[in-house]
Amino acid sequence: MPSRSPRKGKNCASACLTKDHKTFGECMRAKSLQLAPNIMGLQINKEGEKELQAYRDARAQGIKPAGTTKAKVEEAVRISQETGRAYEAW
């Protein structure tokens, strides 16, 4: 019985431009797909969430920062502590 070797391209994705891969997996690897989430994007999102949580915490104390950035929130908290009353930017 002769050994069978798969024909190249037979298992390629329909959108494959070259149709020269022996397996579907080889075809997918050639596309360099990124299946894992972008780690850098997650890190940026975590930092943004930290800033928003600091803003929420300040608002819960009655402080009204001029913005949601870390610097604005920290400034409003510092002024509130120095004056003894909740800072209101607006």
PDB file of N, CA and C in Angstrom:
ATOM      1  N   MET A   1       0.832  -1.168   0.000  1.00  0.00           N
ATOM      2  CA  MET A   1       0.000   0.000   0.000  1.00  0.00           C
ATOM      3  C   MET A   1       0.885   1.243   0.000  1.00  0.00           C
ATOM      4  N   PRO A   2       0.735   2.124  -0.972  1.00  0.00           N
ATOM      5  CA  PRO A   2       1.583   3.313  -1.033  1.00  0.00           C
ATOM      6  C   PRO A   2       1.199   4.294   0.072  1.00  0.00           C
ATOM      7  N   SER A   3       2.218   4.971   0.579  1.00  0.00           N
ATOM      8  CA  SER A   3       1.941   5.965   1.627  1.00  0.00           C
ATOM      9  C   SER A   3       1.348   7.214   0.984  1.00  0.00           C
ATOM     10  N   ARG A   4       0.377   7.723   1.674  1.00  0.00           N
ATOM     11  CA  ARG A   4      -0.268   8.937   1.149  1.00  0.00           C
ATOM     12  C   ARG A   4       0.358  10.168   1.792  1.00  0.00           C
ATOM     13  N   SER A   5       0.667  11.145   1.019  1.00  0.00           N
ATOM     14  CA  SER A   5       1.093  12.425   1.573  1.00  0.00           C
ATOM     15  C   SER A   5       0.063  13.452   1.133  1.00  0.00           C
ATOM     16  N   PRO A   6      -0.371  14.259   2.058  1.00  0.00           N
ATOM     17  CA  PRO A   6      -1.407  15.219   1.704  1.00  0.00           C
ATOM     18  C   PRO A   6      -0.939  16.189   0.625  1.00  0.00           C
ATOM     19  N   ARG A   7      -1.859  16.542  -0.239  1.00  0.00           N
ATOM     20  CA  ARG A   7      -1.540  17.525  -1.283  1.00  0.00           C
ATOM     21  C   ARG A   7      -1.436  18.895  -0.635  1.00  0.00           C
ATOM     22  N   LYS A   8      -0.450  19.638  -1.070  1.00  0.00           N
ATOM     23  CA  LYS A   8      -0.314  20.992  -0.552  1.00  0.00           C
ATOM     24  C   LYS A   8      -1.509  21.823  -0.975  1.00  0.00           C
ATOM     25  N   GLY A   9      -1.994  22.654  -0.042  1.00  0.00           N
ATOM     26  CA  GLY A   9      -3.104  23.542  -0.349  1.00  0.00           C
ATOM     27  C   GLY A   9      -4.468  22.946  -0.113  1.00  0.00           C
ATOM     28  N   LYS A  10      -4.556  21.637  -0.020  1.00  0.00           N
ATOM     29  CA  LYS A  10      -5.849  20.984   0.166  1.00  0.00           C
ATOM     30  C   LYS A  10      -6.518  21.415   1.471  1.00  0.00           C
ATOM     31  N   ASN A  11      -5.726  21.655   2.504  1.00  0.00           N
ATOM     32  CA  ASN A  11      -6.260  22.007   3.813  1.00  0.00           C
ATOM     33  C   ASN A  11      -6.125  23.490   4.139  1.00  0.00           C
ATOM     34  N   CYS A  12      -5.773  24.309   3.172  1.00  0.00           N
ATOM     35  CA  CYS A  12      -5.609  25.742   3.415  1.00  0.00           C
ATOM     36  C   CYS A  12      -6.959  26.415   3.644  1.00  0.00           C
ATOM     37  N   ALA A  13      -6.894  27.545   4.334  1.00  0.00           N
ATOM     38  CA  ALA A  13      -8.092  28.355   4.545  1.00  0.00           C
ATOM     39  C   ALA A  13      -8.535  28.924   3.198  1.00  0.00           C
ATOM     40  N   SER A  14      -9.802  29.217   3.092  1.00  0.00           N
ATOM     41  CA  SER A  14     -10.320  29.716   1.822  1.00  0.00           C
ATOM     42  C   SER A  14      -9.688  31.054   1.426  1.00  0.00           C
ATOM     43  N   ALA A  15      -9.256  31.831   2.413  1.00  0.00           N
ATOM     44  CA  ALA A  15      -8.654  33.131   2.112  1.00  0.00           C
ATOM     45  C   ALA A  15      -7.139  33.069   1.941  1.00  0.00           C
ATOM     46  N   CYS A  16      -6.573  31.877   1.980  1.00  0.00           N
ATOM     47  CA  CYS A  16      -5.125  31.726   1.832  1.00  0.00           C
ATOM     48  C   CYS A  16      -4.713  32.176   0.427  1.00  0.00           C
ATOM     49  N   LEU A  17      -3.710  33.013   0.380  1.00  0.00           N
ATOM     50  CA  LEU A  17      -3.254  33.538  -0.914  1.00  0.00           C
ATOM     51  C   LEU A  17      -2.334  32.564  -1.642  1.00  0.00           C
ATOM     52  N   THR A  18      -1.553  31.792  -0.895  1.00  0.00           N
ATOM     53  CA  THR A  18      -0.566  30.927  -1.545  1.00  0.00           C
ATOM     54  C   THR A  18      -1.062  29.513  -1.815  1.00  0.00           C
ATOM     55  N   LYS A  19      -1.978  29.019  -0.998  1.00  0.00           N
ATOM     56  CA  LYS A  19      -2.526  27.646  -1.143  1.00  0.00           C
ATOM     57  C   LYS A  19      -1.410  26.613  -1.268  1.00  0.00           C
ATOM     58  N   ASP A  20      -0.357  26.776  -0.480  1.00  0.00           N
ATOM     59  CA  ASP A  20       0.763  25.844  -0.572  1.00  0.00           C
ATOM     60  C   ASP A  20       1.119  25.194   0.764  1.00  0.00           C
ATOM     61  N   HIS A  21       0.178  25.141   1.690  1.00  0.00           N
ATOM     62  CA  HIS A  21       0.435  24.572   3.005  1.00  0.00           C
ATOM     63  C   HIS A  21      -0.075  23.136   3.087  1.00  0.00           C
ATOM     64  N   LYS A  22       0.686  22.300   3.778  1.00  0.00           N
ATOM     65  CA  LYS A  22       0.319  20.886   3.893  1.00  0.00           C
ATOM     66  C   LYS A  22      -0.865  20.686   4.850  1.00  0.00           C
ATOM     67  N   THR A  23      -0.952  21.516   5.878  1.00  0.00           N
ATOM     68  CA  THR A  23      -2.021  21.361   6.869  1.00  0.00           C
ATOM     69  C   THR A  23      -2.686  22.707   7.137  1.00  0.00           C
ATOM     70  N   PHE A  24      -3.880  22.628   7.721  1.00  0.00           N
ATOM     71  CA  PHE A  24      -4.591  23.850   8.091  1.00  0.00           C
ATOM     72  C   PHE A  24      -3.796  24.621   9.144  1.00  0.00           C
ATOM     73  N   GLY A  25      -3.193  23.882  10.089  1.00  0.00           N
ATOM     74  CA  GLY A  25      -2.374  24.523  11.123  1.00  0.00           C
ATOM     75  C   GLY A  25      -1.202  25.285  10.531  1.00  0.00           C
ATOM     76  N   GLU A  26      -0.549  24.687   9.559  1.00  0.00           N
ATOM     77  CA  GLU A  26       0.575  25.357   8.889  1.00  0.00           C
ATOM     78  C   GLU A  26       0.089  26.634   8.206  1.00  0.00           C
ATOM     79  N   CYS A  27      -1.086  26.560   7.602  1.00  0.00           N
ATOM     80  CA  CYS A  27      -1.669  27.723   6.940  1.00  0.00           C
ATOM     81  C   CYS A  27      -1.938  28.834   7.955  1.00  0.00           C
ATOM     82  N   MET A  28      -2.521  28.474   9.110  1.00  0.00           N
ATOM     83  CA  MET A  28      -2.824  29.470  10.137  1.00  0.00           C
ATOM     84  C   MET A  28      -1.553  30.075  10.720  1.00  0.00           C
ATOM     85  N   ARG A  29      -0.536  29.236  10.957  1.00  0.00           N
ATOM     86  CA  ARG A  29       0.733  29.757  11.486  1.00  0.00           C
ATOM     87  C   ARG A  29       1.365  30.730  10.493  1.00  0.00           C
ATOM     88  N   ALA A  30       1.223  30.468   9.213  1.00  0.00           N
ATOM     89  CA  ALA A  30       1.792  31.346   8.188  1.00  0.00           C
ATOM     90  C   ALA A  30       1.111  32.715   8.185  1.00  0.00           C
ATOM     91  N   LYS A  31      -0.131  32.766   8.664  1.00  0.00           N
ATOM     92  CA  LYS A  31      -0.847  34.045   8.722  1.00  0.00           C
ATOM     93  C   LYS A  31      -0.404  34.899   9.906  1.00  0.00           C
ATOM     94  N   SER A  32       0.365  34.317  10.833  1.00  0.00           N
ATOM     95  CA  SER A  32       0.839  35.007  12.034  1.00  0.00           C
ATOM     96  C   SER A  32      -0.318  35.604  12.823  1.00  0.00           C
ATOM     97  N   LEU A  33      -1.330  34.803  13.042  1.00  0.00           N
ATOM     98  CA  LEU A  33      -2.487  35.261  13.808  1.00  0.00           C
ATOM     99  C   LEU A  33      -2.095  35.484  15.261  1.00  0.00           C
ATOM    100  N   GLN A  34      -2.681  36.487  15.886  1.00  0.00           N
ATOM    101  CA  GLN A  34      -2.433  36.741  17.296  1.00  0.00           C
ATOM    102  C   GLN A  34      -3.703  36.361  18.045  1.00  0.00           C
ATOM    103  N   LEU A  35      -3.670  35.217  18.703  1.00  0.00           N
ATOM    104  CA  LEU A  35      -4.850  34.729  19.397  1.00  0.00           C
ATOM    105  C   LEU A  35      -4.904  35.195  20.846  1.00  0.00           C
ATOM    106  N   ALA A  36      -3.761  35.525  21.427  1.00  0.00           N
ATOM    107  CA  ALA A  36      -3.723  36.007  22.805  1.00  0.00           C
ATOM    108  C   ALA A  36      -3.999  37.507  22.806  1.00  0.00           C
ATOM    109  N   PRO A  37      -4.595  38.017  23.869  1.00  0.00           N
ATOM    110  CA  PRO A  37      -4.849  39.457  23.919  1.00  0.00           C
ATOM    111  C   PRO A  37      -3.551  40.248  23.937  1.00  0.00           C
ATOM    112  N   ASN A  38      -3.619  41.436  23.476  1.00  0.00           N
ATOM    113  CA  ASN A  38      -2.463  42.323  23.444  1.00  0.00           C
ATOM    114  C   ASN A  38      -2.106  42.705  24.877  1.00  0.00           C
ATOM    115  N   ILE A  39      -0.966  42.234  25.348  1.00  0.00           N
ATOM    116  CA  ILE A  39      -0.562  42.456  26.734  1.00  0.00           C
ATOM    117  C   ILE A  39      -0.358  43.944  27.014  1.00  0.00           C
ATOM    118  N   MET A  40       0.225  44.659  26.085  1.00  0.00           N
ATOM    119  CA  MET A  40       0.447  46.092  26.300  1.00  0.00           C
ATOM    120  C   MET A  40      -0.889  46.816  26.416  1.00  0.00           C
ATOM    121  N   GLY A  41      -1.845  46.444  25.603  1.00  0.00           N
ATOM    122  CA  GLY A  41      -3.166  47.059  25.681  1.00  0.00           C
ATOM    123  C   GLY A  41      -3.828  46.799  27.014  1.00  0.00           C
ATOM    124  N   LEU A  42      -3.639  45.612  27.554  1.00  0.00           N
ATOM    125  CA  LEU A  42      -4.199  45.299  28.866  1.00  0.00           C
ATOM    126  C   LEU A  42      -3.546  46.131  29.949  1.00  0.00           C
ATOM    127  N   GLN A  43      -2.235  46.319  29.839  1.00  0.00           N
ATOM    128  CA  GLN A  43      -1.525  47.115  30.840  1.00  0.00           C
ATOM    129  C   GLN A  43      -2.017  48.555  30.836  1.00  0.00           C
ATOM    130  N   ILE A  44      -2.199  49.125  29.651  1.00  0.00           N
ATOM    131  CA  ILE A  44      -2.694  50.494  29.535  1.00  0.00           C
ATOM    132  C   ILE A  44      -4.097  50.582  30.130  1.00  0.00           C
ATOM    133  N   ASN A  45      -4.924  49.587  29.858  1.00  0.00           N
ATOM    134  CA  ASN A  45      -6.282  49.577  30.376  1.00  0.00           C
ATOM    135  C   ASN A  45      -6.283  49.495  31.896  1.00  0.00           C
ATOM    136  N   LYS A  46      -5.390  48.705  32.479  1.00  0.00           N
ATOM    137  CA  LYS A  46      -5.312  48.586  33.938  1.00  0.00           C
ATOM    138  C   LYS A  46      -4.935  49.925  34.558  1.00  0.00           C
ATOM    139  N   GLU A  47      -3.992  50.628  33.929  1.00  0.00           N
ATOM    140  CA  GLU A  47      -3.591  51.939  34.449  1.00  0.00           C
ATOM    141  C   GLU A  47      -4.760  52.918  34.383  1.00  0.00           C
ATOM    142  N   GLY A  48      -5.495  52.881  33.292  1.00  0.00           N
ATOM    143  CA  GLY A  48      -6.662  53.749  33.149  1.00  0.00           C
ATOM    144  C   GLY A  48      -7.719  53.438  34.189  1.00  0.00           C
ATOM    145  N   GLU A  49      -7.912  52.158  34.476  1.00  0.00           N
ATOM    146  CA  GLU A  49      -8.880  51.762  35.501  1.00  0.00           C
ATOM    147  C   GLU A  49      -8.453  52.247  36.879  1.00  0.00           C
ATOM    148  N   LYS A  50      -7.147  52.199  37.160  1.00  0.00           N
ATOM    149  CA  LYS A  50      -6.647  52.694  38.446  1.00  0.00           C
ATOM    150  C   LYS A  50      -6.944  54.188  38.592  1.00  0.00           C
ATOM    151  N   GLU A  51      -6.718  54.942  37.514  1.00  0.00           N
ATOM    152  CA  GLU A  51      -6.993  56.381  37.557  1.00  0.00           C
ATOM    153  C   GLU A  51      -8.477  56.644  37.782  1.00  0.00           C
ATOM    154  N   LEU A  52      -9.321  55.914  37.074  1.00  0.00           N
ATOM    155  CA  LEU A  52     -10.763  56.110  37.226  1.00  0.00           C
ATOM    156  C   LEU A  52     -11.236  55.711  38.619  1.00  0.00           C
ATOM    157  N   GLN A  53     -10.635  54.670  39.188  1.00  0.00           N
ATOM    158  CA  GLN A  53     -11.017  54.256  40.537  1.00  0.00           C
ATOM    159  C   GLN A  53     -10.596  55.318  41.550  1.00  0.00           C
ATOM    160  N   ALA A  54      -9.430  55.927  41.370  1.00  0.00           N
ATOM    161  CA  ALA A  54      -8.993  57.007  42.263  1.00  0.00           C
ATOM    162  C   ALA A  54      -9.958  58.188  42.164  1.00  0.00           C
ATOM    163  N   TYR A  55     -10.419  58.477  40.953  1.00  0.00           N
ATOM    164  CA  TYR A  55     -11.397  59.559  40.763  1.00  0.00           C
ATOM    165  C   TYR A  55     -12.707  59.214  41.482  1.00  0.00           C
ATOM    166  N   ARG A  56     -13.178  57.982  41.319  1.00  0.00           N
ATOM    167  CA  ARG A  56     -14.419  57.554  41.996  1.00  0.00           C
ATOM    168  C   ARG A  56     -14.277  57.661  43.509  1.00  0.00           C
ATOM    169  N   ASP A  57     -13.123  57.244  44.013  1.00  0.00           N
ATOM    170  CA  ASP A  57     -12.883  57.307  45.459  1.00  0.00           C
ATOM    171  C   ASP A  57     -12.913  58.756  45.949  1.00  0.00           C
ATOM    172  N   ALA A  58     -12.297  59.654  45.184  1.00  0.00           N
ATOM    173  CA  ALA A  58     -12.301  61.074  45.558  1.00  0.00           C
ATOM    174  C   ALA A  58     -13.719  61.629  45.536  1.00  0.00           C
ATOM    175  N   ARG A  59     -14.485  61.288  44.509  1.00  0.00           N
ATOM    176  CA  ARG A  59     -15.872  61.762  44.412  1.00  0.00           C
ATOM    177  C   ARG A  59     -16.721  61.230  45.571  1.00  0.00           C
ATOM    178  N   ALA A  60     -16.440  60.001  45.992  1.00  0.00           N
ATOM    179  CA  ALA A  60     -17.175  59.416  47.119  1.00  0.00           C
ATOM    180  C   ALA A  60     -16.910  60.185  48.413  1.00  0.00           C
ATOM    181  N   GLN A  61     -15.769  60.868  48.484  1.00  0.00           N
ATOM    182  CA  GLN A  61     -15.421  61.677  49.652  1.00  0.00           C
ATOM    183  C   GLN A  61     -15.941  63.109  49.522  1.00  0.00           C
ATOM    184  N   GLY A  62     -16.612  63.401  48.415  1.00  0.00           N
ATOM    185  CA  GLY A  62     -17.140  64.748  48.198  1.00  0.00           C
ATOM    186  C   GLY A  62     -16.188  65.666  47.449  1.00  0.00           C
ATOM    187  N   ILE A  63     -15.042  65.142  47.059  1.00  0.00           N
ATOM    188  CA  ILE A  63     -14.037  65.928  46.334  1.00  0.00           C
ATOM    189  C   ILE A  63     -14.413  65.938  44.860  1.00  0.00           C
ATOM    190  N   LYS A  64     -14.273  67.104  44.230  1.00  0.00           N
ATOM    191  CA  LYS A  64     -14.582  67.224  42.807  1.00  0.00           C
ATOM    192  C   LYS A  64     -13.321  67.640  42.046  1.00  0.00           C
ATOM    193  N   PRO A  65     -12.497  66.653  41.627  1.00  0.00           N
ATOM    194  CA  PRO A  65     -11.273  66.971  40.886  1.00  0.00           C
ATOM    195  C   PRO A  65     -11.580  67.634  39.541  1.00  0.00           C
ATOM    196  N   ALA A  66     -10.591  68.352  39.018  1.00  0.00           N
ATOM    197  CA  ALA A  66     -10.742  69.031  37.730  1.00  0.00           C
ATOM    198  C   ALA A  66     -10.706  68.047  36.560  1.00  0.00           C
ATOM    199  N   GLY A  67     -10.333  66.818  36.801  1.00  0.00           N
ATOM    200  CA  GLY A  67     -10.282  65.811  35.746  1.00  0.00           C
ATOM    201  C   GLY A  67     -10.096  64.436  36.342  1.00  0.00           C
ATOM    202  N   THR A  68     -10.007  63.440  35.481  1.00  0.00           N
ATOM    203  CA  THR A  68      -9.887  62.058  35.951  1.00  0.00           C
ATOM    204  C   THR A  68      -8.451  61.551  35.957  1.00  0.00           C
ATOM    205  N   THR A  69      -7.495  62.380  35.533  1.00  0.00           N
ATOM    206  CA  THR A  69      -6.102  61.932  35.517  1.00  0.00           C
ATOM    207  C   THR A  69      -5.570  61.830  36.940  1.00  0.00           C
ATOM    208  N   LYS A  70      -4.546  61.022  37.087  1.00  0.00           N
ATOM    209  CA  LYS A  70      -3.941  60.802  38.397  1.00  0.00           C
ATOM    210  C   LYS A  70      -3.477  62.121  39.013  1.00  0.00           C
ATOM    211  N   ALA A  71      -2.845  62.957  38.215  1.00  0.00           N
ATOM    212  CA  ALA A  71      -2.332  64.233  38.722  1.00  0.00           C
ATOM    213  C   ALA A  71      -3.463  65.140  39.218  1.00  0.00           C
ATOM    214  N   LYS A  72      -4.548  65.228  38.482  1.00  0.00           N
ATOM    215  CA  LYS A  72      -5.679  66.072  38.879  1.00  0.00           C
ATOM    216  C   LYS A  72      -6.333  65.566  40.161  1.00  0.00           C
ATOM    217  N   VAL A  73      -6.491  64.261  40.259  1.00  0.00           N
ATOM    218  CA  VAL A  73      -7.114  63.669  41.447  1.00  0.00           C
ATOM    219  C   VAL A  73      -6.215  63.874  42.661  1.00  0.00           C
ATOM    220  N   GLU A  74      -4.901  63.598  42.499  1.00  0.00           N
ATOM    221  CA  GLU A  74      -3.975  63.778  43.617  1.00  0.00           C
ATOM    222  C   GLU A  74      -3.929  65.228  44.078  1.00  0.00           C
ATOM    223  N   GLU A  75      -3.966  66.160  43.130  1.00  0.00           N
ATOM    224  CA  GLU A  75      -3.965  67.584  43.478  1.00  0.00           C
ATOM    225  C   GLU A  75      -5.221  67.938  44.283  1.00  0.00           C
ATOM    226  N   ALA A  76      -6.373  67.465  43.848  1.00  0.00           N
ATOM    227  CA  ALA A  76      -7.626  67.754  44.544  1.00  0.00           C
ATOM    228  C   ALA A  76      -7.633  67.149  45.947  1.00  0.00           C
ATOM    229  N   VAL A  77      -7.108  65.931  46.084  1.00  0.00           N
ATOM    230  CA  VAL A  77      -7.043  65.288  47.404  1.00  0.00           C
ATOM    231  C   VAL A  77      -6.095  66.056  48.308  1.00  0.00           C
ATOM    232  N   ARG A  78      -4.938  66.466  47.775  1.00  0.00           N
ATOM    233  CA  ARG A  78      -3.953  67.224  48.566  1.00  0.00           C
ATOM    234  C   ARG A  78      -4.546  68.539  49.058  1.00  0.00           C
ATOM    235  N   ILE A  79      -5.204  69.266  48.162  1.00  0.00           N
ATOM    236  CA  ILE A  79      -5.815  70.551  48.543  1.00  0.00           C
ATOM    237  C   ILE A  79      -6.905  70.325  49.585  1.00  0.00           C
ATOM    238  N   SER A  80      -7.675  69.277  49.423  1.00  0.00           N
ATOM    239  CA  SER A  80      -8.734  68.964  50.389  1.00  0.00           C
ATOM    240  C   SER A  80      -8.149  68.693  51.769  1.00  0.00           C
ATOM    241  N   GLN A  81      -7.047  67.957  51.803  1.00  0.00           N
ATOM    242  CA  GLN A  81      -6.407  67.655  53.083  1.00  0.00           C
ATOM    243  C   GLN A  81      -5.814  68.903  53.726  1.00  0.00           C
ATOM    244  N   GLU A  82      -5.222  69.779  52.897  1.00  0.00           N
ATOM    245  CA  GLU A  82      -4.605  70.993  53.421  1.00  0.00           C
ATOM    246  C   GLU A  82      -5.643  71.984  53.950  1.00  0.00           C
ATOM    247  N   THR A  83      -6.776  72.097  53.267  1.00  0.00           N
ATOM    248  CA  THR A  83      -7.794  73.079  53.654  1.00  0.00           C
ATOM    249  C   THR A  83      -8.811  72.523  54.644  1.00  0.00           C
ATOM    250  N   GLY A  84      -8.879  71.212  54.720  1.00  0.00           N
ATOM    251  CA  GLY A  84      -9.833  70.609  55.638  1.00  0.00           C
ATOM    252  C   GLY A  84     -11.250  70.544  55.088  1.00  0.00           C
ATOM    253  N   ARG A  85     -11.426  70.881  53.830  1.00  0.00           N
ATOM    254  CA  ARG A  85     -12.753  70.769  53.198  1.00  0.00           C
ATOM    255  C   ARG A  85     -12.606  70.216  51.787  1.00  0.00           C
ATOM    256  N   ALA A  86     -13.686  69.610  51.306  1.00  0.00           N
ATOM    257  CA  ALA A  86     -13.655  68.973  49.986  1.00  0.00           C
ATOM    258  C   ALA A  86     -13.403  69.998  48.882  1.00  0.00           C
ATOM    259  N   TYR A  87     -12.443  69.690  48.039  1.00  0.00           N
ATOM    260  CA  TYR A  87     -12.099  70.557  46.909  1.00  0.00           C
ATOM    261  C   TYR A  87     -13.155  70.458  45.834  1.00  0.00           C
ATOM    262  N   GLU A  88     -13.518  71.592  45.262  1.00  0.00           N
ATOM    263  CA  GLU A  88     -14.474  71.631  44.155  1.00  0.00           C
ATOM    264  C   GLU A  88     -13.865  72.396  42.998  1.00  0.00           C
ATOM    265  N   ALA A  89     -13.560  71.693  41.912  1.00  0.00           N
ATOM    266  CA  ALA A  89     -12.938  72.320  40.748  1.00  0.00           C
ATOM    267  C   ALA A  89     -13.935  73.138  39.946  1.00  0.00           C
ATOM    268  N   TRP A  90     -15.227  72.870  40.092  1.00  0.00           N
ATOM    269  CA  TRP A  90     -16.218  73.619  39.319  1.00  0.00           C
ATOM    270  C   TRP A  90     -17.304  74.156  40.177  1.00  0.00           C
TER     271      TRP A  90
END
